[in-house]
Amino acid sequence: MTAKTKKHIISEQLRELDERHYDDGDGGYVLLGEVIQYAKKLCLDDKDFLRQELLRLVDVRDRTMWGIALECLVQEWSSRIAADLNCLLSHENRTEEWEDQVLMALLRLRYKPVTTRAIAHISKRIAAHDRTVLPLLAALCKVESEDCLKLMAPFFIRIVNDGQKDKLPGYIPSVVSHLLDADPNLLALLLRRIAAENGPTAVCISQLFCEYLARPYVVEKLGKEKADLIEKSLKGERANNYF
């Protein structure tokens, strides 16, 4: 069987999986699982063909498959795919959503060469008062924690001062998750930075962090001892008069 034939078969198989799960209504969760399982069953050469096809789907921003393709590449190929994804960023005419997702993938993979590009993209979104950039900003801590905190502290203050505090709870899970994954001390350091500029905002963000950390599924995921230690450190910031 020729390489061209194999590539065609793999492309068709992906399209069949996509069509089979088109109406699942689960955000692509089951489809992603099946694509990953398909990848695991392939020999090395065929798996490389699949990798190329998934990269192509991301590159052309395939209407139904590019998000699934990107997540599959991250989960199945991990850091080995980072340089290839970074190359895609150099292509022109990318949408903001596409760049967001590819940058997020690279930050999750802790790919340091993308740091400058990510900071520029995030800073532009912050200047536009776009709070939806918060998850991407939080993920920046995995490659550059200092710049992440430097950007995040004043951004939280601005959001609260603009009267949008009620919009923050939806972003807290991703912010806490990324910061804890990079370094459990970052949450307390962030609060300290916020407090240096605006004590009431630090109190507000601390409460949101603690409320999230107290949720049963979060405690189960982290383990009660770790969750309690983190919450204690956050409350300690206030007790030590940082805010």
C-alpha atoms as a PDB file:
ATOM      1  CA  MET A   1       0.000   0.000   0.000  1.00  0.00           C
ATOM      2  CA  THR A   2       1.422   3.397  -1.008  1.00  0.00           C
ATOM      3  CA  ALA A   3       1.908   6.290   1.386  1.00  0.00           C
ATOM      4  CA  LYS A   4      -0.679   8.278  -0.549  1.00  0.00           C
ATOM      5  CA  THR A   5      -3.248   5.510  -0.099  1.00  0.00           C
ATOM      6  CA  LYS A   6      -2.523   5.248   3.628  1.00  0.00           C
ATOM      7  CA  LYS A   7      -2.931   9.005   4.071  1.00  0.00           C
ATOM      8  CA  HIS A   8      -6.262   8.853   2.242  1.00  0.00           C
ATOM      9  CA  ILE A   9      -7.500   5.970   4.418  1.00  0.00           C
ATOM     10  CA  ILE A  10      -6.528   7.798   7.614  1.00  0.00           C
ATOM     11  CA  SER A  11      -8.189  11.006   6.417  1.00  0.00           C
ATOM     12  CA  GLU A  12     -11.371   9.117   5.574  1.00  0.00           C
ATOM     13  CA  GLN A  13     -11.364   7.346   8.926  1.00  0.00           C
ATOM     14  CA  LEU A  14     -11.196  10.673  10.754  1.00  0.00           C
ATOM     15  CA  ARG A  15     -14.054  12.020   8.670  1.00  0.00           C
ATOM     16  CA  GLU A  16     -16.144   8.925   9.427  1.00  0.00           C
ATOM     17  CA  LEU A  17     -15.551   9.370  13.153  1.00  0.00           C
ATOM     18  CA  ASP A  18     -16.505  13.034  12.869  1.00  0.00           C
ATOM     19  CA  GLU A  19     -19.753  12.230  11.069  1.00  0.00           C
ATOM     20  CA  ARG A  20     -20.604   9.448  13.534  1.00  0.00           C
ATOM     21  CA  HIS A  21     -20.356  11.827  16.501  1.00  0.00           C
ATOM     22  CA  TYR A  22     -21.573  15.021  14.861  1.00  0.00           C
ATOM     23  CA  ASP A  23     -24.785  15.164  16.903  1.00  0.00           C
ATOM     24  CA  ASP A  24     -23.395  13.918  20.235  1.00  0.00           C
ATOM     25  CA  GLY A  25     -23.796  17.325  21.863  1.00  0.00           C
ATOM     26  CA  ASP A  26     -20.958  16.660  24.330  1.00  0.00           C
ATOM     27  CA  GLY A  27     -18.447  19.207  23.072  1.00  0.00           C
ATOM     28  CA  GLY A  28     -16.487  16.537  21.223  1.00  0.00           C
ATOM     29  CA  TYR A  29     -15.548  14.539  24.333  1.00  0.00           C
ATOM     30  CA  VAL A  30     -16.416  11.090  22.927  1.00  0.00           C
ATOM     31  CA  LEU A  31     -15.007  11.912  19.484  1.00  0.00           C
ATOM     32  CA  LEU A  32     -11.697  12.972  21.033  1.00  0.00           C
ATOM     33  CA  GLY A  33     -11.517   9.699  22.940  1.00  0.00           C
ATOM     34  CA  GLU A  34     -12.099   7.683  19.780  1.00  0.00           C
ATOM     35  CA  VAL A  35      -9.483   9.600  17.779  1.00  0.00           C
ATOM     36  CA  ILE A  36      -6.930   9.036  20.565  1.00  0.00           C
ATOM     37  CA  GLN A  37      -7.763   5.331  20.671  1.00  0.00           C
ATOM     38  CA  TYR A  38      -7.431   5.175  16.892  1.00  0.00           C
ATOM     39  CA  ALA A  39      -3.975   6.754  17.171  1.00  0.00           C
ATOM     40  CA  LYS A  40      -2.860   4.212  19.761  1.00  0.00           C
ATOM     41  CA  LYS A  41      -3.751   1.305  17.466  1.00  0.00           C
ATOM     42  CA  LEU A  42      -1.649   2.500  14.513  1.00  0.00           C
ATOM     43  CA  CYS A  43       1.887   1.409  13.701  1.00  0.00           C
ATOM     44  CA  LEU A  44       4.578   4.099  13.919  1.00  0.00           C
ATOM     45  CA  ASP A  45       4.507   5.006  10.215  1.00  0.00           C
ATOM     46  CA  ASP A  46       0.724   5.217  10.081  1.00  0.00           C
ATOM     47  CA  LYS A  47       0.653   7.180  13.320  1.00  0.00           C
ATOM     48  CA  ASP A  48       2.966   9.712  11.721  1.00  0.00           C
ATOM     49  CA  PHE A  49       0.530  10.025   8.803  1.00  0.00           C
ATOM     50  CA  LEU A  50      -2.229  10.655  11.358  1.00  0.00           C
ATOM     51  CA  ARG A  51      -0.107  13.322  13.064  1.00  0.00           C
ATOM     52  CA  GLN A  52       0.379  15.087   9.720  1.00  0.00           C
ATOM     53  CA  GLU A  53      -3.342  14.951   8.976  1.00  0.00           C
ATOM     54  CA  LEU A  54      -4.265  16.315  12.407  1.00  0.00           C
ATOM     55  CA  LEU A  55      -1.777  19.165  11.934  1.00  0.00           C
ATOM     56  CA  ARG A  56      -3.346  19.893   8.549  1.00  0.00           C
ATOM     57  CA  LEU A  57      -6.815  20.046  10.110  1.00  0.00           C
ATOM     58  CA  VAL A  58      -5.560  22.552  12.668  1.00  0.00           C
ATOM     59  CA  ASP A  59      -3.717  24.554  10.010  1.00  0.00           C
ATOM     60  CA  VAL A  60      -6.746  24.912   7.716  1.00  0.00           C
ATOM     61  CA  ARG A  61      -9.059  25.396  10.721  1.00  0.00           C
ATOM     62  CA  ASP A  62     -11.332  22.581   9.613  1.00  0.00           C
ATOM     63  CA  ARG A  63     -14.927  23.544  10.418  1.00  0.00           C
ATOM     64  CA  THR A  64     -15.732  20.570  12.674  1.00  0.00           C
ATOM     65  CA  MET A  65     -12.419  18.882  13.453  1.00  0.00           C
ATOM     66  CA  TRP A  66      -9.663  21.401  14.119  1.00  0.00           C
ATOM     67  CA  GLY A  67     -10.308  21.728  17.860  1.00  0.00           C
ATOM     68  CA  ILE A  68     -10.454  17.963  18.302  1.00  0.00           C
ATOM     69  CA  ALA A  69      -7.308  17.574  16.183  1.00  0.00           C
ATOM     70  CA  LEU A  70      -5.439  20.100  18.331  1.00  0.00           C
ATOM     71  CA  GLU A  71      -6.402  18.444  21.605  1.00  0.00           C
ATOM     72  CA  CYS A  72      -5.503  15.011  20.258  1.00  0.00           C
ATOM     73  CA  LEU A  73      -2.060  16.280  19.238  1.00  0.00           C
ATOM     74  CA  VAL A  74      -1.505  17.724  22.718  1.00  0.00           C
ATOM     75  CA  GLN A  75      -2.630  14.594  24.545  1.00  0.00           C
ATOM     76  CA  GLU A  76      -1.119  11.931  22.321  1.00  0.00           C
ATOM     77  CA  TRP A  77       2.115  13.579  21.097  1.00  0.00           C
ATOM     78  CA  SER A  78       2.713  15.984  23.996  1.00  0.00           C
ATOM     79  CA  SER A  79       5.908  18.060  23.793  1.00  0.00           C
ATOM     80  CA  ARG A  80       6.990  16.263  20.603  1.00  0.00           C
ATOM     81  CA  ILE A  81       4.373  18.227  18.668  1.00  0.00           C
ATOM     82  CA  ALA A  82       5.124  21.674  20.128  1.00  0.00           C
ATOM     83  CA  ALA A  83       7.611  22.851  17.473  1.00  0.00           C
ATOM     84  CA  ASP A  84       5.202  21.867  14.679  1.00  0.00           C
ATOM     85  CA  LEU A  85       2.340  23.785  16.312  1.00  0.00           C
ATOM     86  CA  ASN A  86       4.586  26.792  16.826  1.00  0.00           C
ATOM     87  CA  CYS A  87       5.387  26.823  13.101  1.00  0.00           C
ATOM     88  CA  LEU A  88       1.668  27.126  12.324  1.00  0.00           C
ATOM     89  CA  LEU A  89       1.579  30.427  14.235  1.00  0.00           C
ATOM     90  CA  SER A  90       3.802  32.013  11.597  1.00  0.00           C
ATOM     91  CA  HIS A  91       1.120  31.607   8.915  1.00  0.00           C
ATOM     92  CA  GLU A  92      -0.973  34.662   8.090  1.00  0.00           C
ATOM     93  CA  ASN A  93      -4.709  35.359   8.327  1.00  0.00           C
ATOM     94  CA  ARG A  94      -5.328  33.595  11.636  1.00  0.00           C
ATOM     95  CA  THR A  95      -8.449  34.335  13.670  1.00  0.00           C
ATOM     96  CA  GLU A  96      -8.137  35.419  17.279  1.00  0.00           C
ATOM     97  CA  GLU A  97      -9.922  32.252  18.436  1.00  0.00           C
ATOM     98  CA  TRP A  98      -7.501  30.045  16.470  1.00  0.00           C
ATOM     99  CA  GLU A  99      -4.447  31.849  17.867  1.00  0.00           C
ATOM    100  CA  ASP A 100      -5.905  31.658  21.382  1.00  0.00           C
ATOM    101  CA  GLN A 101      -6.316  27.899  21.187  1.00  0.00           C
ATOM    102  CA  VAL A 102      -2.916  27.157  19.622  1.00  0.00           C
ATOM    103  CA  LEU A 103      -1.159  29.412  22.138  1.00  0.00           C
ATOM    104  CA  MET A 104      -3.046  27.699  24.950  1.00  0.00           C
ATOM    105  CA  ALA A 105      -1.906  24.307  23.674  1.00  0.00           C
ATOM    106  CA  LEU A 106       1.720  25.448  23.558  1.00  0.00           C
ATOM    107  CA  LEU A 107       1.564  26.976  27.038  1.00  0.00           C
ATOM    108  CA  ARG A 108       0.043  23.782  28.403  1.00  0.00           C
ATOM    109  CA  LEU A 109       2.997  21.956  26.848  1.00  0.00           C
ATOM    110  CA  ARG A 110       5.348  24.450  28.595  1.00  0.00           C
ATOM    111  CA  TYR A 111       6.920  25.427  25.276  1.00  0.00           C
ATOM    112  CA  LYS A 112       9.147  28.353  26.236  1.00  0.00           C
ATOM    113  CA  PRO A 113       9.942  29.594  22.677  1.00  0.00           C
ATOM    114  CA  VAL A 114       6.335  30.812  22.400  1.00  0.00           C
ATOM    115  CA  THR A 115       6.634  33.075  25.465  1.00  0.00           C
ATOM    116  CA  THR A 116       7.222  36.379  23.647  1.00  0.00           C
ATOM    117  CA  ARG A 117       4.402  35.711  21.166  1.00  0.00           C
ATOM    118  CA  ALA A 118       2.037  34.754  23.969  1.00  0.00           C
ATOM    119  CA  ILE A 119       2.805  37.833  26.075  1.00  0.00           C
ATOM    120  CA  ALA A 120       2.239  40.141  23.093  1.00  0.00           C
ATOM    121  CA  HIS A 121      -1.078  38.459  22.257  1.00  0.00           C
ATOM    122  CA  ILE A 122      -2.282  38.497  25.872  1.00  0.00           C
ATOM    123  CA  SER A 123      -1.209  42.119  26.416  1.00  0.00           C
ATOM    124  CA  LYS A 124      -3.191  43.192  23.360  1.00  0.00           C
ATOM    125  CA  ARG A 125      -6.306  41.479  24.708  1.00  0.00           C
ATOM    126  CA  ILE A 126      -5.826  43.018  28.149  1.00  0.00           C
ATOM    127  CA  ALA A 127      -5.511  46.500  26.595  1.00  0.00           C
ATOM    128  CA  ALA A 128      -8.883  45.861  24.938  1.00  0.00           C
ATOM    129  CA  HIS A 129     -10.411  45.057  28.372  1.00  0.00           C
ATOM    130  CA  ASP A 130     -11.129  41.489  27.183  1.00  0.00           C
ATOM    131  CA  ARG A 131     -11.563  39.441  30.348  1.00  0.00           C
ATOM    132  CA  THR A 132     -11.982  36.226  28.308  1.00  0.00           C
ATOM    133  CA  VAL A 133      -8.184  36.177  27.989  1.00  0.00           C
ATOM    134  CA  LEU A 134      -7.858  35.234  31.682  1.00  0.00           C
ATOM    135  CA  PRO A 135      -7.453  31.453  31.109  1.00  0.00           C
ATOM    136  CA  LEU A 136      -4.711  32.082  28.544  1.00  0.00           C
ATOM    137  CA  LEU A 137      -3.065  34.603  30.863  1.00  0.00           C
ATOM    138  CA  ALA A 138      -3.145  32.058  33.692  1.00  0.00           C
ATOM    139  CA  ALA A 139      -1.563  29.406  31.453  1.00  0.00           C
ATOM    140  CA  LEU A 140       1.325  31.799  30.791  1.00  0.00           C
ATOM    141  CA  CYS A 141       2.599  30.946  34.284  1.00  0.00           C
ATOM    142  CA  LYS A 142       3.752  27.566  32.943  1.00  0.00           C
ATOM    143  CA  VAL A 143       6.486  29.244  30.912  1.00  0.00           C
ATOM    144  CA  GLU A 144       6.901  32.652  32.604  1.00  0.00           C
ATOM    145  CA  SER A 145       5.381  33.036  36.068  1.00  0.00           C
ATOM    146  CA  GLU A 146       6.778  36.516  36.795  1.00  0.00           C
ATOM    147  CA  ASP A 147       5.235  38.128  33.700  1.00  0.00           C
ATOM    148  CA  CYS A 148       2.025  36.208  34.310  1.00  0.00           C
ATOM    149  CA  LEU A 149       1.594  37.690  37.797  1.00  0.00           C
ATOM    150  CA  LYS A 150       2.740  41.113  36.634  1.00  0.00           C
ATOM    151  CA  LEU A 151      -0.043  41.181  34.026  1.00  0.00           C
ATOM    152  CA  MET A 152      -2.722  39.415  36.047  1.00  0.00           C
ATOM    153  CA  ALA A 153      -2.674  41.519  39.231  1.00  0.00           C
ATOM    154  CA  PRO A 154      -3.575  44.883  37.626  1.00  0.00           C
ATOM    155  CA  PHE A 155      -5.999  43.131  35.274  1.00  0.00           C
ATOM    156  CA  PHE A 156      -7.978  41.709  38.208  1.00  0.00           C
ATOM    157  CA  ILE A 157      -7.994  45.167  39.822  1.00  0.00           C
ATOM    158  CA  ARG A 158      -9.295  46.753  36.622  1.00  0.00           C
ATOM    159  CA  ILE A 159     -12.056  44.147  36.238  1.00  0.00           C
ATOM    160  CA  VAL A 160     -13.267  44.721  39.803  1.00  0.00           C
ATOM    161  CA  ASN A 161     -13.001  48.514  39.518  1.00  0.00           C
ATOM    162  CA  ASP A 162     -15.010  48.391  36.289  1.00  0.00           C
ATOM    163  CA  GLY A 163     -17.883  46.804  38.207  1.00  0.00           C
ATOM    164  CA  GLN A 164     -17.481  43.378  36.590  1.00  0.00           C
ATOM    165  CA  LYS A 165     -16.705  41.396  39.752  1.00  0.00           C
ATOM    166  CA  ASP A 166     -19.755  39.215  39.142  1.00  0.00           C
ATOM    167  CA  LYS A 167     -18.167  38.024  35.872  1.00  0.00           C
ATOM    168  CA  LEU A 168     -15.074  36.608  37.582  1.00  0.00           C
ATOM    169  CA  PRO A 169     -16.326  33.322  39.166  1.00  0.00           C
ATOM    170  CA  GLY A 170     -16.511  31.610  35.774  1.00  0.00           C
ATOM    171  CA  TYR A 171     -12.790  32.193  35.222  1.00  0.00           C
ATOM    172  CA  ILE A 172     -11.557  31.230  38.684  1.00  0.00           C
ATOM    173  CA  PRO A 173     -11.352  27.440  38.015  1.00  0.00           C
ATOM    174  CA  SER A 174      -8.967  27.846  35.081  1.00  0.00           C
ATOM    175  CA  VAL A 175      -6.898  30.520  36.860  1.00  0.00           C
ATOM    176  CA  VAL A 176      -6.493  28.399  39.997  1.00  0.00           C
ATOM    177  CA  SER A 177      -5.852  25.221  38.025  1.00  0.00           C
ATOM    178  CA  HIS A 178      -3.074  26.693  35.880  1.00  0.00           C
ATOM    179  CA  LEU A 179      -1.353  28.487  38.758  1.00  0.00           C
ATOM    180  CA  LEU A 180      -1.450  25.447  41.027  1.00  0.00           C
ATOM    181  CA  ASP A 181      -0.136  23.238  38.242  1.00  0.00           C
ATOM    182  CA  ALA A 182       2.855  25.538  37.756  1.00  0.00           C
ATOM    183  CA  ASP A 183       3.588  26.310  41.423  1.00  0.00           C
ATOM    184  CA  PRO A 184       1.192  26.156  44.427  1.00  0.00           C
ATOM    185  CA  ASN A 185       2.809  29.323  45.836  1.00  0.00           C
ATOM    186  CA  LEU A 186       1.667  31.452  42.887  1.00  0.00           C
ATOM    187  CA  LEU A 187      -1.850  31.996  44.250  1.00  0.00           C
ATOM    188  CA  ALA A 188      -0.523  33.643  47.405  1.00  0.00           C
ATOM    189  CA  LEU A 189       2.058  35.631  45.439  1.00  0.00           C
ATOM    190  CA  LEU A 190      -0.678  36.896  43.130  1.00  0.00           C
ATOM    191  CA  LEU A 191      -2.791  38.046  46.077  1.00  0.00           C
ATOM    192  CA  ARG A 192       0.228  39.840  47.530  1.00  0.00           C
ATOM    193  CA  ARG A 193       0.754  41.711  44.254  1.00  0.00           C
ATOM    194  CA  ILE A 194      -2.918  42.678  44.059  1.00  0.00           C
ATOM    195  CA  ALA A 195      -2.908  43.798  47.697  1.00  0.00           C
ATOM    196  CA  ALA A 196       0.048  46.083  47.090  1.00  0.00           C
ATOM    197  CA  GLU A 197      -2.174  48.106  44.741  1.00  0.00           C
ATOM    198  CA  ASN A 198      -5.703  47.490  45.995  1.00  0.00           C
ATOM    199  CA  GLY A 199      -6.560  45.768  49.275  1.00  0.00           C
ATOM    200  CA  PRO A 200     -10.329  45.351  48.687  1.00  0.00           C
ATOM    201  CA  THR A 201      -9.692  43.615  45.359  1.00  0.00           C
ATOM    202  CA  ALA A 202      -7.258  41.248  47.069  1.00  0.00           C
ATOM    203  CA  VAL A 203      -9.962  40.364  49.599  1.00  0.00           C
ATOM    204  CA  CYS A 204     -12.443  39.750  46.780  1.00  0.00           C
ATOM    205  CA  ILE A 205     -10.093  37.502  44.779  1.00  0.00           C
ATOM    206  CA  SER A 206      -8.981  35.642  47.904  1.00  0.00           C
ATOM    207  CA  GLN A 207     -12.602  34.831  48.744  1.00  0.00           C
ATOM    208  CA  LEU A 208     -13.231  33.576  45.208  1.00  0.00           C
ATOM    209  CA  PHE A 209     -10.128  31.374  45.359  1.00  0.00           C
ATOM    210  CA  CYS A 210     -11.098  29.928  48.755  1.00  0.00           C
ATOM    211  CA  GLU A 211     -14.698  29.276  47.705  1.00  0.00           C
ATOM    212  CA  TYR A 212     -13.457  27.368  44.675  1.00  0.00           C
ATOM    213  CA  LEU A 213     -10.886  25.370  46.658  1.00  0.00           C
ATOM    214  CA  ALA A 214     -13.627  24.342  49.130  1.00  0.00           C
ATOM    215  CA  ARG A 215     -15.758  22.692  46.450  1.00  0.00           C
ATOM    216  CA  PRO A 216     -16.017  18.930  47.057  1.00  0.00           C
ATOM    217  CA  TYR A 217     -14.781  17.877  43.608  1.00  0.00           C
ATOM    218  CA  VAL A 218     -11.765  20.211  43.916  1.00  0.00           C
ATOM    219  CA  VAL A 219     -10.923  18.849  47.368  1.00  0.00           C
ATOM    220  CA  GLU A 220     -11.217  15.312  45.989  1.00  0.00           C
ATOM    221  CA  LYS A 221      -8.957  16.125  43.033  1.00  0.00           C
ATOM    222  CA  LEU A 222      -6.257  17.873  45.071  1.00  0.00           C
ATOM    223  CA  GLY A 223      -6.576  15.766  48.193  1.00  0.00           C
ATOM    224  CA  LYS A 224      -7.963  17.275  51.403  1.00  0.00           C
ATOM    225  CA  GLU A 225      -4.562  17.866  52.986  1.00  0.00           C
ATOM    226  CA  LYS A 226      -3.220  19.789  49.984  1.00  0.00           C
ATOM    227  CA  ALA A 227      -6.444  21.754  49.506  1.00  0.00           C
ATOM    228  CA  ASP A 228      -6.435  22.738  53.189  1.00  0.00           C
ATOM    229  CA  LEU A 229      -2.779  23.825  53.047  1.00  0.00           C
ATOM    230  CA  ILE A 230      -3.400  26.019  50.003  1.00  0.00           C
ATOM    231  CA  GLU A 231      -6.492  27.602  51.526  1.00  0.00           C
ATOM    232  CA  LYS A 232      -4.580  28.176  54.780  1.00  0.00           C
ATOM    233  CA  SER A 233      -1.773  29.931  52.880  1.00  0.00           C
ATOM    234  CA  LEU A 234      -4.282  32.246  51.185  1.00  0.00           C
ATOM    235  CA  LYS A 235      -5.950  33.142  54.469  1.00  0.00           C
ATOM    236  CA  GLY A 236      -2.491  33.610  55.950  1.00  0.00           C
ATOM    237  CA  GLU A 237      -1.787  36.365  53.441  1.00  0.00           C
ATOM    238  CA  ARG A 238      -4.596  38.379  54.979  1.00  0.00           C
ATOM    239  CA  ALA A 239      -3.692  37.442  58.541  1.00  0.00           C
ATOM    240  CA  ASN A 240      -0.159  38.711  57.909  1.00  0.00           C
ATOM    241  CA  ASN A 241      -1.595  42.074  56.918  1.00  0.00           C
ATOM    242  CA  TYR A 242      -0.710  41.836  53.240  1.00  0.00           C
ATOM    243  CA  PHE A 243      -4.302  42.993  52.663  1.00  0.00           C
END
